[in-house]
Amino acid sequence: MQSKKKWGLVITLAMVMLVSTACNSKGASGTDPANSTGGEGSTPASAQTITLGFSQVGAESGWRSANTKSIQDSAKEAGYDLKFSDAQQKQENQIKALRSFIQQKVTVIAFSPVVESGWDTVLKEAKDAGIPVILTDRAVDSADKSLYKTFIGSDFVEEGRKAGQWLADQYKDAQEDVNIVELQGTTGSAPANDRQEGFMEVIGSNAKLKVIASQTGDFTRAKGKEVMQAFLKAHKKIDVLYAHNDDMALGAIQAIEAAGLKPGVDIKIISVDAVKDGMQAAADGKINFIVECNPLLGPQLMEAVQAVVDGKEIEARIVTDETTFTSEQAKEALPTREY
């Protein structure tokens, strides 16, 4: 009987110690730190590690590479956990990436849409999951603006207008038709649609300025060269090339030179982007006019991400500051060019 009493006492003491240990494993306030969102010693939601899921269009150009580096460097500097995905210029890859980010429960999703249409379903999924979305560089054509917080990027229509205005000024006194060929960006993409729209809006007031051929070059140097070769074979007289980005213009320059013509002289060239290779071509007189499209969006994106996480109001449209370059201006700017 005495033995049973002793064992009972031992068990009772052990249980008291166990309960005491469990209580002391919590904070001084009696709450579990792992579940705490406030109070002394806890970490505010905005200061916790932010996970940013970012889906990039691809690596089709020097501009895109500079854009990717800016985002990666800025995320690292901000201390964010960046989940990066390259869509390789395919919308289906991008949609898969966005759904993967949703499954991983990232803090914020950002992406540069391959094309404008077809995003409502996956954006609705992100919204239902409580994950805010930020668009960078390219817009979507969704009528429901609540599906994303903001769009950070260039005004592509204005870029097209700038290109068209330079051309209109150059040929304002033209007595004969000025034959223009156009290398478009990826079919259905915002920059391709908008740069064409802005360009045509301006040159439409001069009946002498005629676009005789327009075809996509997918924003790549190789495709730009291929399409320009076809243009040169199909048309005896080409006065101007309007390329939606520098890489296509650089490919076209190779085709023009191979045909025994002088780019920038025999065929005037207008381009968009102002990356280093394009600026060098302009400085060499092979590109006559470049409209800048700034790829260094990383810092602006990280600021927007933090603002969204902190619950602050954010502008629905954030436009980047950009300029233009003639050949002489490109020569002056090239030594200090960052991208």
Protein backbone atom coordinates (compact mmCIF):
# COMPACT_ATOMS: atom_id res chain seq x y z
CA MET A 1 0.00 0.00 0.00
CA GLN A 2 2.83 2.37 0.90
CA SER A 3 4.48 1.58 -2.47
CA LYS A 4 1.35 2.57 -4.39
CA LYS A 5 1.17 5.93 -2.57
CA LYS A 6 4.80 6.68 -3.48
CA TRP A 7 4.23 5.92 -7.16
CA GLY A 8 1.12 8.10 -7.16
CA LEU A 9 3.10 11.00 -5.73
CA VAL A 10 5.84 10.61 -8.37
CA ILE A 11 3.30 10.65 -11.21
CA THR A 12 1.56 13.70 -9.79
CA LEU A 13 4.86 15.64 -9.50
CA ALA A 14 5.82 14.66 -13.06
CA MET A 15 2.53 16.02 -14.42
CA VAL A 16 2.95 19.31 -12.56
CA MET A 17 6.46 19.74 -14.05
CA LEU A 18 5.22 18.95 -17.55
CA VAL A 19 2.46 21.57 -17.39
CA SER A 20 4.89 24.13 -15.98
CA THR A 21 7.39 23.49 -18.79
CA ALA A 22 4.69 23.86 -21.45
CA CYS A 23 3.53 27.17 -19.98
CA ASN A 24 7.06 28.53 -19.80
CA SER A 25 7.64 27.72 -23.47
CA LYS A 26 5.26 30.56 -24.35
CA GLY A 27 5.97 34.28 -24.12
CA ALA A 28 5.72 36.29 -20.97
CA SER A 29 2.18 37.30 -21.93
CA GLY A 30 1.14 33.65 -22.13
CA THR A 31 0.77 33.65 -25.97
CA ASP A 32 2.75 31.49 -28.37
CA PRO A 33 5.35 33.65 -30.24
CA ALA A 34 4.87 31.56 -33.39
CA ASN A 35 1.26 32.73 -33.60
CA SER A 36 1.77 36.27 -32.33
CA THR A 37 1.20 39.28 -34.63
CA GLY A 38 1.73 42.02 -32.07
CA GLY A 39 3.08 42.92 -28.68
CA GLU A 40 6.59 43.47 -27.39
CA GLY A 41 9.22 41.34 -29.13
CA SER A 42 6.96 40.26 -32.01
CA THR A 43 7.59 41.03 -35.70
CA PRO A 44 5.09 43.27 -37.52
CA ALA A 45 3.59 41.74 -40.69
CA SER A 46 5.27 44.36 -42.92
CA ALA A 47 8.72 43.57 -41.46
CA GLN A 48 8.49 39.83 -41.93
CA THR A 49 10.16 38.26 -44.96
CA ILE A 50 8.14 39.12 -48.04
CA THR A 51 7.92 36.42 -50.69
CA LEU A 52 7.55 37.88 -54.18
CA GLY A 53 6.54 35.61 -57.03
CA PHE A 54 7.66 37.14 -60.34
CA SER A 55 6.95 35.76 -63.81
CA GLN A 56 9.10 37.22 -66.58
CA VAL A 57 8.20 37.19 -70.28
CA GLY A 58 11.49 35.57 -71.27
CA ALA A 59 15.03 36.54 -72.24
CA GLU A 60 14.35 37.60 -75.82
CA SER A 61 16.33 40.85 -75.82
CA GLY A 62 18.97 42.96 -74.15
CA TRP A 63 16.17 45.06 -72.68
CA ARG A 64 14.55 42.03 -71.07
CA SER A 65 17.87 40.85 -69.60
CA ALA A 66 18.43 44.29 -68.06
CA ASN A 67 14.87 44.27 -66.71
CA THR A 68 15.36 40.85 -65.11
CA LYS A 69 18.64 41.88 -63.48
CA SER A 70 17.08 45.06 -62.10
CA ILE A 71 14.26 43.08 -60.47
CA GLN A 72 16.56 40.39 -59.06
CA ASP A 73 19.06 42.90 -57.68
CA SER A 74 16.34 45.12 -56.20
CA ALA A 75 14.58 42.17 -54.52
CA LYS A 76 17.88 41.07 -52.96
CA GLU A 77 18.60 44.60 -51.74
CA ALA A 78 15.10 44.85 -50.23
CA GLY A 79 15.57 41.52 -48.45
CA TYR A 80 12.66 39.85 -50.25
CA ASP A 81 12.46 36.14 -51.02
CA LEU A 82 12.11 36.18 -54.83
CA LYS A 83 10.48 33.26 -56.64
CA PHE A 84 11.46 33.86 -60.28
CA SER A 85 9.98 32.16 -63.35
CA ASP A 86 10.89 32.58 -67.04
CA ALA A 87 7.84 32.06 -69.30
CA GLN A 88 9.95 31.74 -72.47
CA GLN A 89 7.42 33.97 -74.25
CA LYS A 90 4.56 31.50 -73.77
CA GLN A 91 1.36 32.52 -72.01
CA GLU A 92 0.61 28.96 -70.88
CA ASN A 93 3.96 28.87 -69.04
CA GLN A 94 3.15 32.15 -67.34
CA ILE A 95 -0.28 31.02 -66.21
CA LYS A 96 1.28 27.85 -64.73
CA ALA A 97 3.81 30.01 -62.90
CA LEU A 98 1.11 32.25 -61.43
CA ARG A 99 -0.86 29.23 -60.23
CA SER A 100 2.30 27.82 -58.68
CA PHE A 101 2.84 31.11 -56.82
CA ILE A 102 -0.75 30.92 -55.54
CA GLN A 103 -0.19 27.35 -54.30
CA GLN A 104 3.03 28.45 -52.57
CA LYS A 105 1.06 31.25 -50.87
CA VAL A 106 3.53 33.99 -51.80
CA THR A 107 2.98 37.44 -50.31
CA VAL A 108 2.69 39.30 -53.64
CA ILE A 109 2.63 38.26 -57.31
CA ALA A 110 4.15 40.44 -60.04
CA PHE A 111 4.48 39.67 -63.73
CA SER A 112 5.07 41.09 -67.19
CA PRO A 113 2.28 39.62 -69.33
CA VAL A 114 3.34 37.90 -72.56
CA VAL A 115 0.15 39.12 -74.24
CA GLU A 116 -2.70 41.41 -73.15
CA SER A 117 -5.67 39.02 -73.18
CA GLY A 118 -6.64 35.86 -71.34
CA TRP A 119 -5.69 36.65 -67.74
CA ASP A 120 -9.00 37.11 -65.92
CA THR A 121 -9.36 33.53 -64.66
CA VAL A 122 -5.93 33.20 -63.07
CA LEU A 123 -6.03 36.76 -61.69
CA LYS A 124 -9.39 35.96 -60.09
CA GLU A 125 -7.76 32.89 -58.50
CA ALA A 126 -5.04 35.11 -57.02
CA LYS A 127 -7.63 37.59 -55.74
CA ASP A 128 -9.69 34.81 -54.14
CA ALA A 129 -6.50 33.56 -52.44
CA GLY A 130 -5.92 37.03 -51.01
CA ILE A 131 -2.67 37.56 -52.95
CA PRO A 132 -2.27 41.05 -54.47
CA VAL A 133 -0.96 41.30 -58.05
CA ILE A 134 1.23 43.98 -59.63
CA LEU A 135 1.73 44.32 -63.39
CA THR A 136 5.14 45.43 -64.66
CA ASP A 137 6.23 46.63 -68.11
CA ARG A 138 3.10 45.33 -69.88
CA ALA A 139 -0.61 45.75 -69.21
CA VAL A 140 -3.60 43.40 -69.49
CA ASP A 141 -6.92 44.23 -71.13
CA SER A 142 -9.10 43.05 -68.24
CA ALA A 143 -12.17 45.18 -67.62
CA ASP A 144 -12.01 44.30 -63.91
CA LYS A 145 -9.34 46.64 -62.53
CA SER A 146 -9.72 45.14 -59.04
CA LEU A 147 -7.78 42.07 -60.21
CA TYR A 148 -4.48 43.92 -59.83
CA LYS A 149 -3.19 46.72 -57.63
CA THR A 150 -1.16 48.76 -60.12
CA PHE A 151 0.63 48.72 -63.47
CA ILE A 152 4.24 49.96 -63.46
CA GLY A 153 5.79 50.66 -66.84
CA SER A 154 6.18 52.80 -69.91
CA ASP A 155 3.50 54.52 -71.93
CA PHE A 156 3.88 52.47 -75.12
CA VAL A 157 1.41 54.57 -77.09
CA GLU A 158 3.46 57.66 -76.27
CA GLU A 159 6.61 55.84 -77.39
CA GLY A 160 4.94 55.19 -80.75
CA ARG A 161 3.93 58.84 -80.97
CA LYS A 162 7.51 59.97 -80.33
CA ALA A 163 8.77 57.68 -83.09
CA GLY A 164 6.09 58.92 -85.46
CA GLN A 165 6.71 62.57 -84.63
CA TRP A 166 10.42 62.33 -85.45
CA LEU A 167 9.56 60.73 -88.79
CA ALA A 168 6.86 63.31 -89.54
CA ASP A 169 9.31 66.12 -88.81
CA GLN A 170 11.98 64.61 -91.03
CA TYR A 171 9.66 64.26 -94.00
CA LYS A 172 7.29 67.19 -93.51
CA ASP A 173 8.25 68.62 -96.93
CA ALA A 174 8.31 65.29 -98.80
CA GLN A 175 7.07 65.53 -102.40
CA GLU A 176 7.13 61.79 -103.06
CA ASP A 177 5.80 58.82 -101.12
CA VAL A 178 7.97 57.70 -98.20
CA ASN A 179 7.88 53.89 -98.01
CA ILE A 180 7.97 52.56 -94.45
CA VAL A 181 8.33 48.97 -93.25
CA GLU A 182 7.47 48.03 -89.68
CA LEU A 183 8.95 45.30 -87.49
CA GLN A 184 6.29 44.66 -84.86
CA GLY A 185 6.83 43.12 -81.46
CA THR A 186 5.20 39.88 -80.34
CA THR A 187 1.69 39.63 -81.77
CA GLY A 188 -0.94 40.54 -79.20
CA SER A 189 1.51 42.06 -76.73
CA ALA A 190 0.83 45.49 -75.23
CA PRO A 191 4.02 47.13 -76.55
CA ALA A 192 3.40 45.85 -80.08
CA ASN A 193 -0.21 47.02 -80.11
CA ASP A 194 0.47 50.37 -78.49
CA ARG A 195 3.66 51.31 -80.32
CA GLN A 196 1.93 50.70 -83.60
CA GLU A 197 -1.13 52.67 -82.50
CA GLY A 198 0.87 55.73 -81.40
CA PHE A 199 3.03 55.68 -84.51
CA MET A 200 0.09 55.45 -86.92
CA GLU A 201 -1.79 58.14 -85.02
CA VAL A 202 0.95 60.68 -85.76
CA ILE A 203 2.02 59.76 -89.30
CA GLY A 204 -1.61 59.45 -90.43
CA SER A 205 -1.77 63.21 -90.88
CA ASN A 206 0.80 63.05 -93.71
CA ALA A 207 -0.47 61.17 -96.78
CA LYS A 208 3.10 60.81 -98.09
CA LEU A 209 4.08 58.55 -95.19
CA LYS A 210 3.01 55.05 -96.20
CA VAL A 211 3.53 51.80 -94.29
CA ILE A 212 3.96 49.30 -97.14
CA ALA A 213 4.70 46.22 -94.98
CA SER A 214 4.27 45.30 -91.33
CA GLN A 215 5.16 41.97 -89.73
CA THR A 216 6.10 40.63 -86.31
CA GLY A 217 9.74 40.03 -85.47
CA ASP A 218 8.92 38.70 -81.97
CA PHE A 219 11.27 41.26 -80.41
CA THR A 220 14.29 39.09 -81.34
CA ARG A 221 17.40 39.90 -83.37
CA ALA A 222 17.24 36.70 -85.42
CA LYS A 223 13.61 37.21 -86.40
CA GLY A 224 14.23 40.88 -87.14
CA LYS A 225 16.94 39.90 -89.61
CA GLU A 226 14.76 37.22 -91.20
CA VAL A 227 11.75 39.50 -91.70
CA MET A 228 13.88 42.38 -92.99
CA GLN A 229 15.41 40.06 -95.57
CA ALA A 230 11.88 39.23 -96.76
CA PHE A 231 10.97 42.94 -96.87
CA LEU A 232 14.02 43.73 -99.01
CA LYS A 233 13.18 40.96 -101.47
CA ALA A 234 9.53 41.99 -101.74
CA HIS A 235 9.99 45.76 -102.05
CA LYS A 236 12.38 47.58 -104.36
CA LYS A 237 12.14 50.90 -102.52
CA ILE A 238 12.22 51.09 -98.73
CA ASP A 239 12.94 54.47 -97.22
CA VAL A 240 12.33 53.90 -93.51
CA LEU A 241 12.32 51.03 -91.02
CA TYR A 242 10.34 51.39 -87.80
CA ALA A 243 11.35 48.61 -85.35
CA HIS A 244 9.47 48.11 -82.09
CA ASN A 245 12.73 47.34 -80.28
CA ASP A 246 16.50 47.62 -80.69
CA ASP A 247 17.14 43.89 -81.07
CA MET A 248 14.91 43.63 -84.14
CA ALA A 249 16.52 46.78 -85.53
CA LEU A 250 19.99 45.29 -85.02
CA GLY A 251 18.95 42.11 -86.84
CA ALA A 252 17.50 44.23 -89.65
CA ILE A 253 20.77 46.17 -89.92
CA GLN A 254 22.56 42.88 -90.66
CA ALA A 255 20.08 42.15 -93.46
CA ILE A 256 20.38 45.68 -94.88
CA GLU A 257 24.18 45.52 -94.94
CA ALA A 258 24.11 42.05 -96.49
CA ALA A 259 21.96 43.52 -99.27
CA GLY A 260 24.69 46.09 -100.01
CA LEU A 261 22.79 49.01 -98.50
CA LYS A 262 23.84 51.46 -95.80
CA PRO A 263 21.63 51.47 -92.68
CA GLY A 264 20.87 54.96 -91.43
CA VAL A 265 21.57 56.42 -94.88
CA ASP A 266 19.89 54.35 -97.61
CA ILE A 267 17.23 53.28 -95.14
CA LYS A 268 16.45 55.49 -92.14
CA ILE A 269 15.93 53.48 -88.95
CA ILE A 270 13.76 54.29 -85.94
CA SER A 271 13.86 52.01 -82.92
CA VAL A 272 12.58 51.70 -79.35
CA ASP A 273 14.44 50.68 -76.14
CA ALA A 274 17.85 52.43 -76.07
CA VAL A 275 19.85 49.47 -74.73
CA LYS A 276 23.63 49.63 -75.13
CA ASP A 277 23.84 47.73 -78.42
CA GLY A 278 21.13 49.93 -79.90
CA MET A 279 22.78 53.08 -78.60
CA GLN A 280 26.08 51.97 -80.10
CA ALA A 281 24.41 51.44 -83.47
CA ALA A 282 22.91 54.92 -83.17
CA ALA A 283 26.28 56.41 -82.23
CA ASP A 284 27.70 54.71 -85.35
CA GLY A 285 24.98 56.34 -87.46
CA LYS A 286 23.18 53.06 -88.28
CA ILE A 287 20.07 53.95 -86.24
CA ASN A 288 18.78 57.48 -86.71
CA PHE A 289 16.41 57.83 -83.77
CA ILE A 290 15.75 55.80 -80.60
CA VAL A 291 12.84 56.18 -78.21
CA GLU A 292 13.89 55.13 -74.71
CA CYS A 293 12.03 52.41 -72.83
CA ASN A 294 13.58 52.15 -69.36
CA PRO A 295 13.99 48.52 -68.18
CA LEU A 296 15.24 49.36 -64.68
CA LEU A 297 11.87 48.88 -62.98
CA GLY A 298 13.17 46.90 -59.98
CA PRO A 299 13.32 49.74 -57.41
CA GLN A 300 9.82 50.97 -58.31
CA LEU A 301 8.44 47.44 -58.12
CA MET A 302 9.91 46.81 -54.65
CA GLU A 303 8.50 50.12 -53.38
CA ALA A 304 5.07 49.14 -54.71
CA VAL A 305 5.30 45.67 -53.14
CA GLN A 306 6.12 47.15 -49.73
CA ALA A 307 3.31 49.69 -50.02
CA VAL A 308 0.80 46.97 -50.87
CA VAL A 309 1.97 44.78 -47.98
CA ASP A 310 1.71 47.75 -45.61
CA GLY A 311 -1.85 48.40 -46.78
CA LYS A 312 -1.04 51.84 -48.19
CA GLU A 313 -2.86 53.49 -51.07
CA ILE A 314 -1.03 53.09 -54.38
CA GLU A 315 -1.50 54.75 -57.78
CA ALA A 316 -3.28 52.53 -60.29
CA ARG A 317 -0.80 53.57 -63.00
CA ILE A 318 2.89 54.34 -62.43
CA VAL A 319 4.65 55.67 -65.55
CA THR A 320 8.44 55.54 -65.89
CA ASP A 321 10.44 58.61 -66.99
CA GLU A 322 11.98 58.24 -70.45
CA THR A 323 13.57 60.29 -73.23
CA THR A 324 14.69 60.02 -76.89
CA PHE A 325 18.06 59.97 -78.67
CA THR A 326 19.28 61.11 -82.05
CA SER A 327 22.58 59.67 -83.29
CA GLU A 328 24.53 62.56 -81.79
CA GLN A 329 22.71 62.35 -78.46
CA ALA A 330 23.33 58.60 -78.32
CA LYS A 331 27.04 59.19 -78.84
CA GLU A 332 27.10 61.59 -75.90
CA ALA A 333 25.07 59.34 -73.60
CA LEU A 334 26.73 56.00 -74.42
CA PRO A 335 29.78 56.21 -72.07
CA THR A 336 27.56 56.42 -68.97
CA ARG A 337 24.77 54.12 -70.15
CA GLU A 338 23.72 51.62 -67.46
CA TYR A 339 22.08 49.07 -69.75
